[in-house]
């Protein structure tokens, strides 16, 4: 008997899909903001070998990059309550995504910082720019400009990885897809549509990040 495709489960549950997609985007936006800020601090600490911070970041980066994201999420959600730190599924997901992106962006941005020639920094000092101006205009923005495509790709990877956050009851897109599938038993339609939604979200986020980089980072750096 041939399978009969039905779009009804998708139409009937479009609000739930929209809410799940919104949660995925919210987690990505918050996690990326905090993760990149963490990465900037880590990149500077490691590139300039700042005492205390540099070794701390070195351990942090190695721990995050060499362990699965799902295990990191489980540790935050199930492990931290044993130490008196209890987080909701959404809070644990946000923290896990921020920490994960922070580690990877530390190394990505560090590569950008290391690519800035010392001659540019010396030229800025000779022009009487203070350290804050030198860091902001001569180091950080050119560094971000150099690594922005790689940083965008990492943000997309973290967004797609947020699918595992459904394991701690965070109501993002995969959680919603699992919920609707359990109610309708239309696995093919539900997961095909959720796959399409992830594809569309990834394209939208990449376009938005490209525009942000073009007009905010590259534009001001040039």
Foldseek 3Di string as FASTA:
>chain_A
DDDDDDCVLCVVCVVLLVVQAVLLVVLLVLLLVLLLVLLVVLLVCCLVVPPPSPVVLVVLLVVLVPDDLLVQLCCQAPVCVVVVDHDALSVSLSVSSNSNSNSVSNVLLNVLQVPQDVVQLVVCVVVVDDPVCCCVQRGRLSSCLVRVVVSLVSSLVSSVVSLSSVVRVDSHNNVSLVVSCVVPVNNVNSVVVSVVVSVVVSVVSSVVSVVCCVVPRVVSND
